[in-house]
Structures are given as structure tokens and as C-alpha cells.
Amino acid sequence: MSASSSNPRTGRFAEEEQFTLDRGETYFANFDGLCEPRNPGGVATYGLVIRKGNKIVFEDSGLAFAKPCTIEASNNVAEYSAAIKALEWLSNNGLQRSPIFLRGDSRLIINQLKGEFKVKATRLRALHGRAISLLREFSNLKLEWVDRSKNAEADLLSRRAYYRFKSQTRK
């Protein structure tokens, strides 16, 4: 990693002063997940919104990386699924050197990705490993916890994915 690269274990820039925020060139990737009607064991879905500056460049939502109505389906699995999907999109679009804020409203997931919390749940270990592997591709990425009120778009997309699944299974 170069002197100005981010540390995926801490989510902080090695030299904050070298990171200048040009809002128009900065990507903001907000992610969210849920598991309804019960957690765990419900239907886990995710939502994500990626902006370049103030312009939405990508949105996605769907089922998380867990079979619905199993013990593997949980809100944390859904949160990791959303973060991974965001990182994959950013990587696939060649943005490894772009300034990026990866934002979520789950303190657990953000702090696990920063290396501040241990990953105790067996169902999260592989997802955490996949996310860390993706994070290592980026040289200018910062992990950021945001209040739920500032993550409304990603939350709405995860809820729409849940209702979409629910309506399809009734037919």
C-alpha cells in the first residue's frame, strides 16, 4: 500500500491530509440489509446505492447470500451481501484508485470490516473474508458508519426486494 492508501483493517487513510475530497469525483456507496419477518430465519434482502458526487450511478437490490427461511438468513448476512455487491461493482468498474466512502448503518459490519470487532458468527466468516479481500483492492476507500436516517435510499431498496420476493412467492 502507498502512503496515502487506506488500511482495510482500520478503514482510515494512512495520511488523511493527502486525501482531498473532491465531492464531484468521490464515490459514496451506501448499503443496507434486512431479514423479515424474523431474524434470523426470515427472508434476507439487500439494497445499495452508489453515487458519484450527487449523481446516482448504480442501484441494486435482491436476495442476500442465504437461502430464504433458513437459519443462515439474517440481517447481518444481508448487510454483508450488500457491502460485497457494492465492492464488486466498484471493482468491476475499475474504481480501485478513486476516492470512495463505503457507508452502512450497521455498526457491527462496519467495525468488523475495520478490524475493530471480531467475527464470531460462523455464518459471517466467509462473507467477512470475501469483503476484506475486495477491500484490499482499493487504495482510497474509507469505511463509514452512518445513521439510519442517512441511509434511507439503501434501506428502501432492501425493503422493496423483500416485498418483491414476498409477492412472487404468493403466486
Protein backbone atom coordinates (compact mmCIF):
# COMPACT_ATOMS: atom_id res chain seq x y z
CA MET A 1 0.00 0.00 0.00
CA SER A 2 1.21 3.51 -0.76
CA ALA A 3 1.46 6.21 1.88
CA SER A 4 -1.94 7.64 1.00
CA SER A 5 -3.76 4.35 0.67
CA SER A 6 -6.43 3.20 3.03
CA ASN A 7 -5.96 0.40 5.50
CA PRO A 8 -8.84 -2.07 5.13
CA ARG A 9 -8.29 -3.21 8.72
CA THR A 10 -8.94 0.30 10.09
CA GLY A 11 -10.83 1.93 7.24
CA ARG A 12 -8.70 5.04 7.70
CA PHE A 13 -6.32 6.77 5.37
CA ALA A 14 -2.67 6.35 6.27
CA GLU A 15 -2.17 10.07 5.73
CA GLU A 16 -5.53 11.83 5.98
CA GLU A 17 -4.09 15.16 4.76
CA GLN A 18 -3.21 13.61 1.40
CA PHE A 19 -6.83 12.66 0.81
CA THR A 20 -8.57 15.67 -0.65
CA LEU A 21 -12.27 15.35 -1.01
CA ASP A 22 -13.48 16.47 -4.43
CA ARG A 23 -17.16 15.74 -3.97
CA GLY A 24 -17.72 15.55 -7.74
CA GLU A 25 -15.10 12.82 -8.16
CA THR A 26 -15.83 10.92 -4.94
CA TYR A 27 -17.98 7.80 -4.86
CA PHE A 28 -20.40 7.23 -1.99
CA ALA A 29 -21.62 3.63 -1.73
CA ASN A 30 -24.44 3.20 0.79
CA PHE A 31 -25.57 -0.32 1.64
CA ASP A 32 -28.25 -1.87 3.82
CA GLY A 33 -29.82 -5.23 4.56
CA LEU A 34 -32.76 -6.70 6.41
CA CYS A 35 -34.24 -10.03 7.38
CA GLU A 36 -38.03 -10.23 7.67
CA PRO A 37 -40.41 -11.27 9.15
CA ARG A 38 -37.97 -12.73 11.69
CA ASN A 39 -34.25 -12.51 12.26
CA PRO A 40 -32.61 -14.93 11.80
CA GLY A 41 -34.65 -17.34 9.73
CA GLY A 42 -36.61 -14.96 7.56
CA VAL A 43 -36.00 -13.58 4.10
CA ALA A 44 -32.71 -11.68 3.94
CA THR A 45 -32.52 -8.94 1.31
CA TYR A 46 -30.12 -6.13 0.50
CA GLY A 47 -30.12 -2.73 -1.13
CA LEU A 48 -27.34 -0.43 -2.27
CA VAL A 49 -26.96 2.96 -3.90
CA ILE A 50 -23.72 4.27 -5.40
CA ARG A 51 -23.32 7.94 -6.18
CA LYS A 52 -20.56 9.84 -7.88
CA GLY A 53 -20.86 13.18 -6.19
CA ASN A 54 -24.61 13.75 -6.04
CA LYS A 55 -25.50 11.64 -9.10
CA ILE A 56 -26.71 8.05 -8.71
CA VAL A 57 -24.58 5.81 -10.93
CA PHE A 58 -25.80 2.41 -9.70
CA GLU A 59 -28.58 0.87 -7.62
CA ASP A 60 -29.17 -2.77 -6.80
CA SER A 61 -31.33 -4.90 -4.54
CA GLY A 62 -32.22 -8.55 -4.15
CA LEU A 63 -31.91 -11.66 -2.06
CA ALA A 64 -28.87 -11.88 0.18
CA PHE A 65 -26.31 -14.70 0.05
CA ALA A 66 -28.55 -17.01 2.10
CA LYS A 67 -31.47 -19.26 1.24
CA PRO A 68 -34.72 -17.66 2.50
CA CYS A 69 -36.29 -19.03 5.67
CA THR A 70 -33.16 -20.82 6.86
CA ILE A 71 -31.02 -20.22 9.92
CA GLU A 72 -28.35 -18.80 7.59
CA ALA A 73 -30.62 -15.89 6.62
CA SER A 74 -30.03 -12.92 8.93
CA ASN A 75 -29.86 -9.16 8.82
CA ASN A 76 -26.06 -9.33 9.18
CA VAL A 77 -25.77 -11.70 6.21
CA ALA A 78 -27.93 -9.24 4.26
CA GLU A 79 -25.69 -6.31 5.28
CA TYR A 80 -22.55 -8.18 4.20
CA SER A 81 -24.25 -9.16 0.93
CA ALA A 82 -24.96 -5.51 0.18
CA ALA A 83 -21.41 -4.40 1.04
CA ILE A 84 -19.93 -7.15 -1.13
CA LYS A 85 -22.21 -6.30 -4.06
CA ALA A 86 -21.17 -2.63 -3.78
CA LEU A 87 -17.46 -3.51 -3.66
CA GLU A 88 -17.83 -5.87 -6.62
CA TRP A 89 -19.50 -3.16 -8.69
CA LEU A 90 -16.82 -0.63 -7.78
CA SER A 91 -14.07 -3.12 -8.61
CA ASN A 92 -15.67 -4.27 -11.87
CA ASN A 93 -15.85 -0.62 -12.96
CA GLY A 94 -12.14 -0.02 -12.38
CA LEU A 95 -12.53 2.35 -9.44
CA GLN A 96 -9.80 0.87 -7.22
CA ARG A 97 -7.90 4.19 -7.08
CA SER A 98 -10.92 6.50 -6.87
CA PRO A 99 -11.87 8.16 -3.58
CA ILE A 100 -14.71 6.07 -2.12
CA PHE A 101 -16.76 6.12 1.05
CA LEU A 102 -18.38 2.75 1.78
CA ARG A 103 -21.23 3.55 4.17
CA GLY A 104 -23.57 1.41 6.20
CA ASP A 105 -25.81 1.81 9.21
CA SER A 106 -24.71 -1.44 10.85
CA ARG A 107 -22.07 -0.67 13.46
CA LEU A 108 -21.29 -4.38 13.66
CA ILE A 109 -20.47 -4.78 9.96
CA ILE A 110 -18.52 -1.51 9.68
CA ASN A 111 -16.48 -2.29 12.80
CA GLN A 112 -15.83 -5.88 11.71
CA LEU A 113 -14.59 -4.63 8.34
CA LYS A 114 -12.34 -2.12 10.12
CA GLY A 115 -10.93 -4.94 12.25
CA GLU A 116 -12.24 -3.36 15.45
CA PHE A 117 -14.74 -6.17 16.20
CA LYS A 118 -14.16 -9.90 15.91
CA VAL A 119 -16.31 -12.01 13.62
CA LYS A 120 -17.86 -14.53 15.98
CA ALA A 121 -20.84 -15.81 13.98
CA THR A 122 -19.89 -18.77 11.79
CA ARG A 123 -22.37 -17.67 9.12
CA LEU A 124 -20.48 -14.38 8.69
CA ARG A 125 -16.89 -15.60 8.46
CA ALA A 126 -16.84 -16.41 4.74
CA LEU A 127 -18.70 -13.19 3.88
CA HIS A 128 -16.30 -11.16 6.00
CA GLY A 129 -13.33 -12.81 4.28
CA ARG A 130 -14.79 -12.05 0.86
CA ALA A 131 -15.41 -8.41 1.79
CA ILE A 132 -11.88 -7.97 3.21
CA SER A 133 -10.41 -9.50 0.05
CA LEU A 134 -12.33 -6.96 -2.04
CA LEU A 135 -11.39 -4.07 0.25
CA ARG A 136 -7.71 -4.82 -0.30
CA GLU A 137 -8.14 -3.94 -3.98
CA PHE A 138 -8.87 -0.31 -3.13
CA SER A 139 -6.25 2.31 -2.31
CA ASN A 140 -8.54 5.24 -1.46
CA LEU A 141 -11.54 3.77 0.35
CA LYS A 142 -12.87 4.74 3.75
CA LEU A 143 -15.41 2.75 5.75
CA GLU A 144 -18.01 4.91 7.42
CA TRP A 145 -20.89 4.24 9.77
CA VAL A 146 -23.92 6.43 9.05
CA ASP A 147 -27.11 6.91 10.99
CA ARG A 148 -30.11 5.02 9.65
CA SER A 149 -31.74 8.32 8.69
CA LYS A 150 -28.85 8.96 6.27
CA ASN A 151 -29.20 5.52 4.69
CA ALA A 152 -32.85 5.73 3.67
CA GLU A 153 -32.34 5.02 -0.05
CA ALA A 154 -30.47 1.76 0.53
CA ASP A 155 -32.99 0.79 3.22
CA LEU A 156 -35.89 1.40 0.84
CA LEU A 157 -34.26 -0.77 -1.83
CA SER A 158 -33.76 -3.65 0.63
CA ARG A 159 -37.42 -3.37 1.68
CA ARG A 160 -38.57 -3.35 -1.94
CA ALA A 161 -36.55 -6.51 -2.55
CA TYR A 162 -38.27 -8.16 0.42
CA TYR A 163 -41.75 -7.19 -0.79
CA ARG A 164 -40.89 -8.27 -4.34
CA PHE A 165 -39.86 -11.71 -3.03
CA LYS A 166 -42.95 -11.92 -0.84
CA SER A 167 -45.30 -11.06 -3.73
CA GLN A 168 -43.62 -13.60 -6.04
CA THR A 169 -43.96 -16.44 -3.54
CA ARG A 170 -47.71 -15.83 -3.08
CA LYS A 171 -48.47 -16.64 -6.74
